[in-house]
mmCIF file of all heavy atoms, coordinates in Angstrom:
data_MODEL
# 
_entry.id   MODEL 
# 
loop_
_atom_site.group_PDB 
_atom_site.id 
_atom_site.type_symbol 
_atom_site.label_atom_id 
_atom_site.label_alt_id 
_atom_site.label_comp_id 
_atom_site.label_asym_id 
_atom_site.label_entity_id 
_atom_site.label_seq_id 
_atom_site.pdbx_PDB_ins_code 
_atom_site.Cartn_x 
_atom_site.Cartn_y 
_atom_site.Cartn_z 
_atom_site.occupancy 
_atom_site.B_iso_or_equiv 
_atom_site.pdbx_formal_charge 
_atom_site.auth_seq_id 
_atom_site.auth_comp_id 
_atom_site.auth_asym_id 
_atom_site.auth_atom_id 
_atom_site.pdbx_PDB_model_num 
ATOM 1   N N   . LEU A 1 1  ? 5.939   1.357   -5.381 1.00 0.00 ? 1  LEU A N   1 
ATOM 2   C CA  . LEU A 1 1  ? 5.098   0.845   -4.307 1.00 0.00 ? 1  LEU A CA  1 
ATOM 3   C C   . LEU A 1 1  ? 5.363   1.596   -3.004 1.00 0.00 ? 1  LEU A C   1 
ATOM 4   O O   . LEU A 1 1  ? 4.426   2.006   -2.314 1.00 0.00 ? 1  LEU A O   1 
ATOM 5   C CB  . LEU A 1 1  ? 5.330   -0.660  -4.113 1.00 0.00 ? 1  LEU A CB  1 
ATOM 6   C CG  . LEU A 1 1  ? 4.708   -1.570  -5.161 1.00 0.00 ? 1  LEU A CG  1 
ATOM 7   C CD1 . LEU A 1 1  ? 5.299   -2.966  -5.078 1.00 0.00 ? 1  LEU A CD1 1 
ATOM 8   C CD2 . LEU A 1 1  ? 3.200   -1.617  -4.996 1.00 0.00 ? 1  LEU A CD2 1 
ATOM 9   N N   . ARG A 1 2  ? 6.628   1.784   -2.665 1.00 0.00 ? 2  ARG A N   1 
ATOM 10  C CA  . ARG A 1 2  ? 6.966   2.507   -1.429 1.00 0.00 ? 2  ARG A CA  1 
ATOM 11  C C   . ARG A 1 2  ? 6.502   3.964   -1.499 1.00 0.00 ? 2  ARG A C   1 
ATOM 12  O O   . ARG A 1 2  ? 5.968   4.501   -0.523 1.00 0.00 ? 2  ARG A O   1 
ATOM 13  C CB  . ARG A 1 2  ? 8.472   2.438   -1.175 1.00 0.00 ? 2  ARG A CB  1 
ATOM 14  C CG  . ARG A 1 2  ? 8.925   1.109   -0.614 1.00 0.00 ? 2  ARG A CG  1 
ATOM 15  C CD  . ARG A 1 2  ? 10.351  1.184   -0.085 1.00 0.00 ? 2  ARG A CD  1 
ATOM 16  N NE  . ARG A 1 2  ? 11.309  1.613   -1.091 1.00 0.00 ? 2  ARG A NE  1 
ATOM 17  C CZ  . ARG A 1 2  ? 11.941  0.800   -1.928 1.00 0.00 ? 2  ARG A CZ  1 
ATOM 18  N NH1 . ARG A 1 2  ? 11.697  -0.497  -1.895 1.00 0.00 ? 2  ARG A NH1 1 
ATOM 19  N NH2 . ARG A 1 2  ? 12.810  1.273   -2.795 1.00 0.00 ? 2  ARG A NH2 1 
ATOM 20  N N   . GLU A 1 3  ? 6.697   4.596   -2.654 1.00 0.00 ? 3  GLU A N   1 
ATOM 21  C CA  . GLU A 1 3  ? 6.274   5.985   -2.822 1.00 0.00 ? 3  GLU A CA  1 
ATOM 22  C C   . GLU A 1 3  ? 4.762   6.107   -2.698 1.00 0.00 ? 3  GLU A C   1 
ATOM 23  O O   . GLU A 1 3  ? 4.249   7.015   -2.037 1.00 0.00 ? 3  GLU A O   1 
ATOM 24  C CB  . GLU A 1 3  ? 6.736   6.492   -4.180 1.00 0.00 ? 3  GLU A CB  1 
ATOM 25  C CG  . GLU A 1 3  ? 6.411   7.931   -4.446 1.00 0.00 ? 3  GLU A CG  1 
ATOM 26  C CD  . GLU A 1 3  ? 6.850   8.343   -5.840 1.00 0.00 ? 3  GLU A CD  1 
ATOM 27  O OE1 . GLU A 1 3  ? 8.005   8.761   -5.987 1.00 0.00 ? 3  GLU A OE1 1 
ATOM 28  O OE2 . GLU A 1 3  ? 6.033   8.224   -6.775 1.00 0.00 ? 3  GLU A OE2 1 
ATOM 29  N N   . THR A 1 4  ? 4.053   5.180   -3.320 1.00 0.00 ? 4  THR A N   1 
ATOM 30  C CA  . THR A 1 4  ? 2.592   5.195   -3.247 1.00 0.00 ? 4  THR A CA  1 
ATOM 31  C C   . THR A 1 4  ? 2.122   4.947   -1.829 1.00 0.00 ? 4  THR A C   1 
ATOM 32  O O   . THR A 1 4  ? 1.173   5.579   -1.356 1.00 0.00 ? 4  THR A O   1 
ATOM 33  C CB  . THR A 1 4  ? 1.995   4.156   -4.210 1.00 0.00 ? 4  THR A CB  1 
ATOM 34  O OG1 . THR A 1 4  ? 2.431   4.456   -5.531 1.00 0.00 ? 4  THR A OG1 1 
ATOM 35  C CG2 . THR A 1 4  ? 0.478   4.161   -4.159 1.00 0.00 ? 4  THR A CG2 1 
ATOM 36  N N   . GLN A 1 5  ? 2.794   4.038   -1.136 1.00 0.00 ? 5  GLN A N   1 
ATOM 37  C CA  . GLN A 1 5  ? 2.424   3.792   0.258  1.00 0.00 ? 5  GLN A CA  1 
ATOM 38  C C   . GLN A 1 5  ? 2.607   5.052   1.095  1.00 0.00 ? 5  GLN A C   1 
ATOM 39  O O   . GLN A 1 5  ? 1.742   5.400   1.903  1.00 0.00 ? 5  GLN A O   1 
ATOM 40  C CB  . GLN A 1 5  ? 3.256   2.649   0.836  1.00 0.00 ? 5  GLN A CB  1 
ATOM 41  C CG  . GLN A 1 5  ? 2.860   2.287   2.257  1.00 0.00 ? 5  GLN A CG  1 
ATOM 42  C CD  . GLN A 1 5  ? 3.693   1.172   2.811  1.00 0.00 ? 5  GLN A CD  1 
ATOM 43  O OE1 . GLN A 1 5  ? 4.883   1.081   2.539  1.00 0.00 ? 5  GLN A OE1 1 
ATOM 44  N NE2 . GLN A 1 5  ? 3.078   0.306   3.585  1.00 0.00 ? 5  GLN A NE2 1 
ATOM 45  N N   . ALA A 1 6  ? 3.712   5.748   0.884  1.00 0.00 ? 6  ALA A N   1 
ATOM 46  C CA  . ALA A 1 6  ? 3.960   6.975   1.644  1.00 0.00 ? 6  ALA A CA  1 
ATOM 47  C C   . ALA A 1 6  ? 2.924   8.049   1.332  1.00 0.00 ? 6  ALA A C   1 
ATOM 48  O O   . ALA A 1 6  ? 2.505   8.787   2.220  1.00 0.00 ? 6  ALA A O   1 
ATOM 49  C CB  . ALA A 1 6  ? 5.367   7.494   1.339  1.00 0.00 ? 6  ALA A CB  1 
ATOM 50  N N   . LEU A 1 7  ? 2.491   8.114   0.086  1.00 0.00 ? 7  LEU A N   1 
ATOM 51  C CA  . LEU A 1 7  ? 1.541   9.156   -0.317 1.00 0.00 ? 7  LEU A CA  1 
ATOM 52  C C   . LEU A 1 7  ? 0.090   8.811   0.021  1.00 0.00 ? 7  LEU A C   1 
ATOM 53  O O   . LEU A 1 7  ? -0.702  9.697   0.305  1.00 0.00 ? 7  LEU A O   1 
ATOM 54  C CB  . LEU A 1 7  ? 1.644   9.404   -1.822 1.00 0.00 ? 7  LEU A CB  1 
ATOM 55  C CG  . LEU A 1 7  ? 2.916   10.089  -2.298 1.00 0.00 ? 7  LEU A CG  1 
ATOM 56  C CD1 . LEU A 1 7  ? 2.998   10.025  -3.817 1.00 0.00 ? 7  LEU A CD1 1 
ATOM 57  C CD2 . LEU A 1 7  ? 2.950   11.524  -1.830 1.00 0.00 ? 7  LEU A CD2 1 
ATOM 58  N N   . CYS A 1 8  ? -0.252  7.523   -0.034 1.00 0.00 ? 8  CYS A N   1 
ATOM 59  C CA  . CYS A 1 8  ? -1.668  7.150   -0.014 1.00 0.00 ? 8  CYS A CA  1 
ATOM 60  C C   . CYS A 1 8  ? -2.121  6.333   1.193  1.00 0.00 ? 8  CYS A C   1 
ATOM 61  O O   . CYS A 1 8  ? -3.319  6.166   1.394  1.00 0.00 ? 8  CYS A O   1 
ATOM 62  C CB  . CYS A 1 8  ? -1.995  6.356   -1.275 1.00 0.00 ? 8  CYS A CB  1 
ATOM 63  S SG  . CYS A 1 8  ? -1.706  7.258   -2.804 1.00 0.00 ? 8  CYS A SG  1 
ATOM 64  N N   . ALA A 1 9  ? -1.216  5.790   1.960  1.00 0.00 ? 9  ALA A N   1 
ATOM 65  C CA  . ALA A 1 9  ? -1.614  4.864   3.027  1.00 0.00 ? 9  ALA A CA  1 
ATOM 66  C C   . ALA A 1 9  ? -2.543  5.512   4.048  1.00 0.00 ? 9  ALA A C   1 
ATOM 67  O O   . ALA A 1 9  ? -3.470  4.875   4.534  1.00 0.00 ? 9  ALA A O   1 
ATOM 68  C CB  . ALA A 1 9  ? -0.383  4.293   3.722  1.00 0.00 ? 9  ALA A CB  1 
ATOM 69  N N   . GLY A 1 10 ? -2.332  6.768   4.371  1.00 0.00 ? 10 GLY A N   1 
ATOM 70  C CA  . GLY A 1 10 ? -3.160  7.416   5.377  1.00 0.00 ? 10 GLY A CA  1 
ATOM 71  C C   . GLY A 1 10 ? -4.456  7.996   4.855  1.00 0.00 ? 10 GLY A C   1 
ATOM 72  O O   . GLY A 1 10 ? -5.293  8.443   5.624  1.00 0.00 ? 10 GLY A O   1 
ATOM 73  N N   . SER A 1 11 ? -4.656  7.972   3.541  1.00 0.00 ? 11 SER A N   1 
ATOM 74  C CA  . SER A 1 11 ? -5.824  8.635   2.977  1.00 0.00 ? 11 SER A CA  1 
ATOM 75  C C   . SER A 1 11 ? -7.108  7.824   3.133  1.00 0.00 ? 11 SER A C   1 
ATOM 76  O O   . SER A 1 11 ? -8.170  8.382   3.289  1.00 0.00 ? 11 SER A O   1 
ATOM 77  C CB  . SER A 1 11 ? -5.593  8.961   1.501  1.00 0.00 ? 11 SER A CB  1 
ATOM 78  O OG  . SER A 1 11 ? -5.436  7.772   0.755  1.00 0.00 ? 11 SER A OG  1 
ATOM 79  N N   . ASP A 1 12 ? -7.012  6.509   3.103  1.00 0.00 ? 12 ASP A N   1 
ATOM 80  C CA  . ASP A 1 12 ? -8.197  5.657   3.165  1.00 0.00 ? 12 ASP A CA  1 
ATOM 81  C C   . ASP A 1 12 ? -7.751  4.275   3.633  1.00 0.00 ? 12 ASP A C   1 
ATOM 82  O O   . ASP A 1 12 ? -6.734  3.753   3.163  1.00 0.00 ? 12 ASP A O   1 
ATOM 83  C CB  . ASP A 1 12 ? -8.832  5.581   1.778  1.00 0.00 ? 12 ASP A CB  1 
ATOM 84  C CG  . ASP A 1 12 ? -10.121 4.772   1.732  1.00 0.00 ? 12 ASP A CG  1 
ATOM 85  O OD1 . ASP A 1 12 ? -10.600 4.364   2.805  1.00 0.00 ? 12 ASP A OD1 1 
ATOM 86  O OD2 . ASP A 1 12 ? -10.640 4.559   0.628  1.00 0.00 ? 12 ASP A OD2 1 
ATOM 87  N N   . THR A 1 13 ? -8.510  3.661   4.534  1.00 0.00 ? 13 THR A N   1 
ATOM 88  C CA  . THR A 1 13 ? -8.098  2.357   5.069  1.00 0.00 ? 13 THR A CA  1 
ATOM 89  C C   . THR A 1 13 ? -8.115  1.276   3.991  1.00 0.00 ? 13 THR A C   1 
ATOM 90  O O   . THR A 1 13 ? -7.254  0.395   3.981  1.00 0.00 ? 13 THR A O   1 
ATOM 91  C CB  . THR A 1 13 ? -8.996  1.930   6.241  1.00 0.00 ? 13 THR A CB  1 
ATOM 92  O OG1 . THR A 1 13 ? -10.361 1.925   5.809  1.00 0.00 ? 13 THR A OG1 1 
ATOM 93  C CG2 . THR A 1 13 ? -8.827  2.854   7.421  1.00 0.00 ? 13 THR A CG2 1 
ATOM 94  N N   . ASP A 1 14 ? -9.081  1.331   3.080  1.00 0.00 ? 14 ASP A N   1 
ATOM 95  C CA  . ASP A 1 14 ? -9.139  0.340   2.011  1.00 0.00 ? 14 ASP A CA  1 
ATOM 96  C C   . ASP A 1 14 ? -7.939  0.475   1.077  1.00 0.00 ? 14 ASP A C   1 
ATOM 97  O O   . ASP A 1 14 ? -7.332  -0.519  0.687  1.00 0.00 ? 14 ASP A O   1 
ATOM 98  C CB  . ASP A 1 14 ? -10.438 0.474   1.208  1.00 0.00 ? 14 ASP A CB  1 
ATOM 99  C CG  . ASP A 1 14 ? -10.548 -0.591  0.128  1.00 0.00 ? 14 ASP A CG  1 
ATOM 100 O OD1 . ASP A 1 14 ? -10.382 -1.790  0.458  1.00 0.00 ? 14 ASP A OD1 1 
ATOM 101 O OD2 . ASP A 1 14 ? -10.791 -0.230  -1.041 1.00 0.00 ? 14 ASP A OD2 1 
ATOM 102 N N   . LEU A 1 15 ? -7.586  1.719   0.736  1.00 0.00 ? 15 LEU A N   1 
ATOM 103 C CA  . LEU A 1 15 ? -6.416  1.941   -0.113 1.00 0.00 ? 15 LEU A CA  1 
ATOM 104 C C   . LEU A 1 15 ? -5.145  1.499   0.601  1.00 0.00 ? 15 LEU A C   1 
ATOM 105 O O   . LEU A 1 15 ? -4.253  0.905   -0.012 1.00 0.00 ? 15 LEU A O   1 
ATOM 106 C CB  . LEU A 1 15 ? -6.314  3.406   -0.525 1.00 0.00 ? 15 LEU A CB  1 
ATOM 107 C CG  . LEU A 1 15 ? -7.401  3.922   -1.456 1.00 0.00 ? 15 LEU A CG  1 
ATOM 108 C CD1 . LEU A 1 15 ? -7.219  5.412   -1.707 1.00 0.00 ? 15 LEU A CD1 1 
ATOM 109 C CD2 . LEU A 1 15 ? -7.394  3.163   -2.772 1.00 0.00 ? 15 LEU A CD2 1 
ATOM 110 N N   . GLY A 1 16 ? -5.058  1.772   1.889  1.00 0.00 ? 16 GLY A N   1 
ATOM 111 C CA  . GLY A 1 16 ? -3.898  1.337   2.667  1.00 0.00 ? 16 GLY A CA  1 
ATOM 112 C C   . GLY A 1 16 ? -3.776  -0.178  2.690  1.00 0.00 ? 16 GLY A C   1 
ATOM 113 O O   . GLY A 1 16 ? -2.678  -0.727  2.549  1.00 0.00 ? 16 GLY A O   1 
ATOM 114 N N   . ARG A 1 17 ? -4.909  -0.858  2.843  1.00 0.00 ? 17 ARG A N   1 
ATOM 115 C CA  . ARG A 1 17 ? -4.907  -2.321  2.842  1.00 0.00 ? 17 ARG A CA  1 
ATOM 116 C C   . ARG A 1 17 ? -4.479  -2.853  1.477  1.00 0.00 ? 17 ARG A C   1 
ATOM 117 O O   . ARG A 1 17 ? -3.685  -3.789  1.386  1.00 0.00 ? 17 ARG A O   1 
ATOM 118 C CB  . ARG A 1 17 ? -6.304  -2.844  3.201  1.00 0.00 ? 17 ARG A CB  1 
ATOM 119 C CG  . ARG A 1 17 ? -6.417  -4.361  3.239  1.00 0.00 ? 17 ARG A CG  1 
ATOM 120 C CD  . ARG A 1 17 ? -7.873  -4.811  3.353  1.00 0.00 ? 17 ARG A CD  1 
ATOM 121 N NE  . ARG A 1 17 ? -8.736  -4.298  2.300  1.00 0.00 ? 17 ARG A NE  1 
ATOM 122 C CZ  . ARG A 1 17 ? -8.755  -4.752  1.043  1.00 0.00 ? 17 ARG A CZ  1 
ATOM 123 N NH1 . ARG A 1 17 ? -7.943  -5.714  0.680  1.00 0.00 ? 17 ARG A NH1 1 
ATOM 124 N NH2 . ARG A 1 17 ? -9.582  -4.247  0.142  1.00 0.00 ? 17 ARG A NH2 1 
ATOM 125 N N   . ARG A 1 18 ? -4.979  -2.235  0.412  1.00 0.00 ? 18 ARG A N   1 
ATOM 126 C CA  . ARG A 1 18 ? -4.626  -2.680  -0.943 1.00 0.00 ? 18 ARG A CA  1 
ATOM 127 C C   . ARG A 1 18 ? -3.141  -2.497  -1.222 1.00 0.00 ? 18 ARG A C   1 
ATOM 128 O O   . ARG A 1 18 ? -2.490  -3.393  -1.761 1.00 0.00 ? 18 ARG A O   1 
ATOM 129 C CB  . ARG A 1 18 ? -5.446  -1.919  -1.981 1.00 0.00 ? 18 ARG A CB  1 
ATOM 130 C CG  . ARG A 1 18 ? -6.904  -2.337  -2.031 1.00 0.00 ? 18 ARG A CG  1 
ATOM 131 C CD  . ARG A 1 18 ? -7.698  -1.531  -3.029 1.00 0.00 ? 18 ARG A CD  1 
ATOM 132 N NE  . ARG A 1 18 ? -7.223  -1.783  -4.388 1.00 0.00 ? 18 ARG A NE  1 
ATOM 133 C CZ  . ARG A 1 18 ? -7.460  -0.974  -5.414 1.00 0.00 ? 18 ARG A CZ  1 
ATOM 134 N NH1 . ARG A 1 18 ? -8.174  0.118   -5.242 1.00 0.00 ? 18 ARG A NH1 1 
ATOM 135 N NH2 . ARG A 1 18 ? -6.999  -1.263  -6.617 1.00 0.00 ? 18 ARG A NH2 1 
ATOM 136 N N   . ILE A 1 19 ? -2.577  -1.351  -0.848 1.00 0.00 ? 19 ILE A N   1 
ATOM 137 C CA  . ILE A 1 19 ? -1.164  -1.118  -1.118 1.00 0.00 ? 19 ILE A CA  1 
ATOM 138 C C   . ILE A 1 19 ? -0.296  -2.040  -0.272 1.00 0.00 ? 19 ILE A C   1 
ATOM 139 O O   . ILE A 1 19 ? 0.733   -2.552  -0.745 1.00 0.00 ? 19 ILE A O   1 
ATOM 140 C CB  . ILE A 1 19 ? -0.783  0.371   -0.938 1.00 0.00 ? 19 ILE A CB  1 
ATOM 141 C CG1 . ILE A 1 19 ? 0.634   0.652   -1.475 1.00 0.00 ? 19 ILE A CG1 1 
ATOM 142 C CG2 . ILE A 1 19 ? -0.840  0.807   0.501  1.00 0.00 ? 19 ILE A CG2 1 
ATOM 143 C CD1 . ILE A 1 19 ? 0.791   0.504   -2.941 1.00 0.00 ? 19 ILE A CD1 1 
ATOM 144 N N   . ASP A 1 20 ? -0.693  -2.288  0.970  1.00 0.00 ? 20 ASP A N   1 
ATOM 145 C CA  . ASP A 1 20 ? 0.065   -3.235  1.807  1.00 0.00 ? 20 ASP A CA  1 
ATOM 146 C C   . ASP A 1 20 ? 0.070   -4.622  1.187  1.00 0.00 ? 20 ASP A C   1 
ATOM 147 O O   . ASP A 1 20 ? 1.091   -5.315  1.188  1.00 0.00 ? 20 ASP A O   1 
ATOM 148 C CB  . ASP A 1 20 ? -0.518  -3.292  3.220  1.00 0.00 ? 20 ASP A CB  1 
ATOM 149 C CG  . ASP A 1 20 ? -0.252  -2.026  4.018  1.00 0.00 ? 20 ASP A CG  1 
ATOM 150 O OD1 . ASP A 1 20 ? 0.641   -1.242  3.619  1.00 0.00 ? 20 ASP A OD1 1 
ATOM 151 O OD2 . ASP A 1 20 ? -0.940  -1.826  5.040  1.00 0.00 ? 20 ASP A OD2 1 
ATOM 152 N N   . ARG A 1 21 ? -1.065  -5.026  0.645  1.00 0.00 ? 21 ARG A N   1 
ATOM 153 C CA  . ARG A 1 21 ? -1.147  -6.356  0.014  1.00 0.00 ? 21 ARG A CA  1 
ATOM 154 C C   . ARG A 1 21 ? -0.314  -6.408  -1.263 1.00 0.00 ? 21 ARG A C   1 
ATOM 155 O O   . ARG A 1 21 ? 0.344   -7.414  -1.535 1.00 0.00 ? 21 ARG A O   1 
ATOM 156 C CB  . ARG A 1 21 ? -2.610  -6.704  -0.280 1.00 0.00 ? 21 ARG A CB  1 
ATOM 157 C CG  . ARG A 1 21 ? -2.813  -8.104  -0.754 1.00 0.00 ? 21 ARG A CG  1 
ATOM 158 C CD  . ARG A 1 21 ? -2.391  -9.111  0.310  1.00 0.00 ? 21 ARG A CD  1 
ATOM 159 N NE  . ARG A 1 21 ? -2.465  -10.451 -0.254 1.00 0.00 ? 21 ARG A NE  1 
ATOM 160 C CZ  . ARG A 1 21 ? -1.568  -11.393 -0.031 1.00 0.00 ? 21 ARG A CZ  1 
ATOM 161 N NH1 . ARG A 1 21 ? -0.562  -11.182 0.780  1.00 0.00 ? 21 ARG A NH1 1 
ATOM 162 N NH2 . ARG A 1 21 ? -1.696  -12.563 -0.597 1.00 0.00 ? 21 ARG A NH2 1 
ATOM 163 N N   . LEU A 1 22 ? -0.326  -5.340  -2.047 1.00 0.00 ? 22 LEU A N   1 
ATOM 164 C CA  . LEU A 1 22 ? 0.507   -5.297  -3.245 1.00 0.00 ? 22 LEU A CA  1 
ATOM 165 C C   . LEU A 1 22 ? 1.991   -5.411  -2.884 1.00 0.00 ? 22 LEU A C   1 
ATOM 166 O O   . LEU A 1 22 ? 2.748   -6.117  -3.556 1.00 0.00 ? 22 LEU A O   1 
ATOM 167 C CB  . LEU A 1 22 ? 0.262   -4.006  -4.028 1.00 0.00 ? 22 LEU A CB  1 
ATOM 168 C CG  . LEU A 1 22 ? -1.045  -3.910  -4.801 1.00 0.00 ? 22 LEU A CG  1 
ATOM 169 C CD1 . LEU A 1 22 ? -1.199  -2.518  -5.397 1.00 0.00 ? 22 LEU A CD1 1 
ATOM 170 C CD2 . LEU A 1 22 ? -1.108  -4.953  -5.890 1.00 0.00 ? 22 LEU A CD2 1 
ATOM 171 N N   . ILE A 1 23 ? 2.393   -4.726  -1.819 1.00 0.00 ? 23 ILE A N   1 
ATOM 172 C CA  . ILE A 1 23 ? 3.790   -4.794  -1.386 1.00 0.00 ? 23 ILE A CA  1 
ATOM 173 C C   . ILE A 1 23 ? 4.137   -6.212  -0.946 1.00 0.00 ? 23 ILE A C   1 
ATOM 174 O O   . ILE A 1 23 ? 5.204   -6.734  -1.299 1.00 0.00 ? 23 ILE A O   1 
ATOM 175 C CB  . ILE A 1 23 ? 4.055   -3.763  -0.263 1.00 0.00 ? 23 ILE A CB  1 
ATOM 176 C CG1 . ILE A 1 23 ? 4.001   -2.358  -0.847 1.00 0.00 ? 23 ILE A CG1 1 
ATOM 177 C CG2 . ILE A 1 23 ? 5.373   -4.030  0.439  1.00 0.00 ? 23 ILE A CG2 1 
ATOM 178 C CD1 . ILE A 1 23 ? 4.007   -1.253  0.185  1.00 0.00 ? 23 ILE A CD1 1 
ATOM 179 N N   . ALA A 1 24 ? 3.250   -6.855  -0.208 1.00 0.00 ? 24 ALA A N   1 
ATOM 180 C CA  . ALA A 1 24 ? 3.500   -8.234  0.234  1.00 0.00 ? 24 ALA A CA  1 
ATOM 181 C C   . ALA A 1 24 ? 3.594   -9.184  -0.960 1.00 0.00 ? 24 ALA A C   1 
ATOM 182 O O   . ALA A 1 24 ? 4.483   -10.048 -1.015 1.00 0.00 ? 24 ALA A O   1 
ATOM 183 C CB  . ALA A 1 24 ? 2.401   -8.683  1.196  1.00 0.00 ? 24 ALA A CB  1 
ATOM 184 N N   . LEU A 1 25 ? 2.696   -9.036  -1.917 1.00 0.00 ? 25 LEU A N   1 
ATOM 185 C CA  . LEU A 1 25 ? 2.736   -9.897  -3.106 1.00 0.00 ? 25 LEU A CA  1 
ATOM 186 C C   . LEU A 1 25 ? 3.999   -9.662  -3.927 1.00 0.00 ? 25 LEU A C   1 
ATOM 187 O O   . LEU A 1 25 ? 4.596   -10.611 -4.452 1.00 0.00 ? 25 LEU A O   1 
ATOM 188 C CB  . LEU A 1 25 ? 1.492   -9.673  -3.967 1.00 0.00 ? 25 LEU A CB  1 
ATOM 189 C CG  . LEU A 1 25 ? 0.191   -10.221 -3.396 1.00 0.00 ? 25 LEU A CG  1 
ATOM 190 C CD1 . LEU A 1 25 ? -0.998  -9.714  -4.189 1.00 0.00 ? 25 LEU A CD1 1 
ATOM 191 C CD2 . LEU A 1 25 ? 0.218   -11.731 -3.366 1.00 0.00 ? 25 LEU A CD2 1 
ATOM 192 N N   . HIS A 1 26 ? 4.427   -8.408  -4.031 1.00 0.00 ? 26 HIS A N   1 
ATOM 193 C CA  . HIS A 1 26 ? 5.661   -8.105  -4.757 1.00 0.00 ? 26 HIS A CA  1 
ATOM 194 C C   . HIS A 1 26 ? 6.859   -8.734  -4.053 1.00 0.00 ? 26 HIS A C   1 
ATOM 195 O O   . HIS A 1 26 ? 7.753   -9.299  -4.693 1.00 0.00 ? 26 HIS A O   1 
ATOM 196 C CB  . HIS A 1 26 ? 5.844   -6.593  -4.889 1.00 0.00 ? 26 HIS A CB  1 
ATOM 197 C CG  . HIS A 1 26 ? 7.051   -6.218  -5.667 1.00 0.00 ? 26 HIS A CG  1 
ATOM 198 N ND1 . HIS A 1 26 ? 8.197   -5.789  -5.061 1.00 0.00 ? 26 HIS A ND1 1 
ATOM 199 C CD2 . HIS A 1 26 ? 7.299   -6.234  -7.000 1.00 0.00 ? 26 HIS A CD2 1 
ATOM 200 C CE1 . HIS A 1 26 ? 9.109   -5.545  -5.985 1.00 0.00 ? 26 HIS A CE1 1 
ATOM 201 N NE2 . HIS A 1 26 ? 8.594   -5.800  -7.163 1.00 0.00 ? 26 HIS A NE2 1 
ATOM 202 N N   . ARG A 1 27 ? 6.897   -8.655  -2.736 1.00 0.00 ? 27 ARG A N   1 
ATOM 203 C CA  . ARG A 1 27 ? 7.989   -9.257  -1.958 1.00 0.00 ? 27 ARG A CA  1 
ATOM 204 C C   . ARG A 1 27 ? 8.008   -10.771 -2.156 1.00 0.00 ? 27 ARG A C   1 
ATOM 205 O O   . ARG A 1 27 ? 9.077   -11.360 -2.369 1.00 0.00 ? 27 ARG A O   1 
ATOM 206 C CB  . ARG A 1 27 ? 7.807   -8.902  -0.485 1.00 0.00 ? 27 ARG A CB  1 
ATOM 207 C CG  . ARG A 1 27 ? 8.998   -9.258  0.374  1.00 0.00 ? 27 ARG A CG  1 
ATOM 208 C CD  . ARG A 1 27 ? 8.807   -8.822  1.822  1.00 0.00 ? 27 ARG A CD  1 
ATOM 209 N NE  . ARG A 1 27 ? 8.431   -7.426  1.938  1.00 0.00 ? 27 ARG A NE  1 
ATOM 210 C CZ  . ARG A 1 27 ? 7.299   -6.999  2.497  1.00 0.00 ? 27 ARG A CZ  1 
ATOM 211 N NH1 . ARG A 1 27 ? 6.421   -7.842  2.984  1.00 0.00 ? 27 ARG A NH1 1 
ATOM 212 N NH2 . ARG A 1 27 ? 7.040   -5.712  2.573  1.00 0.00 ? 27 ARG A NH2 1 
ATOM 213 N N   . GLU A 1 28 ? 6.836   -11.410 -2.104 1.00 0.00 ? 28 GLU A N   1 
ATOM 214 C CA  . GLU A 1 28 ? 6.755   -12.859 -2.329 1.00 0.00 ? 28 GLU A CA  1 
ATOM 215 C C   . GLU A 1 28 ? 7.197   -13.219 -3.745 1.00 0.00 ? 28 GLU A C   1 
ATOM 216 O O   . GLU A 1 28 ? 7.896   -14.222 -3.946 1.00 0.00 ? 28 GLU A O   1 
ATOM 217 C CB  . GLU A 1 28 ? 5.325   -13.350 -2.090 1.00 0.00 ? 28 GLU A CB  1 
ATOM 218 C CG  . GLU A 1 28 ? 4.885   -13.284 -0.649 1.00 0.00 ? 28 GLU A CG  1 
ATOM 219 C CD  . GLU A 1 28 ? 3.399   -13.532 -0.472 1.00 0.00 ? 28 GLU A CD  1 
ATOM 220 O OE1 . GLU A 1 28 ? 2.729   -13.984 -1.437 1.00 0.00 ? 28 GLU A OE1 1 
ATOM 221 O OE2 . GLU A 1 28 ? 2.889   -13.252 0.623  1.00 0.00 ? 28 GLU A OE2 1 
# 
């Protein structure tokens, strides 16, 4: 998740939002 966030977060706002939500759900 962290690696994907580092690679993909800046590429598209929708993808960034999706990865942020996945990280939050994983943390919960």
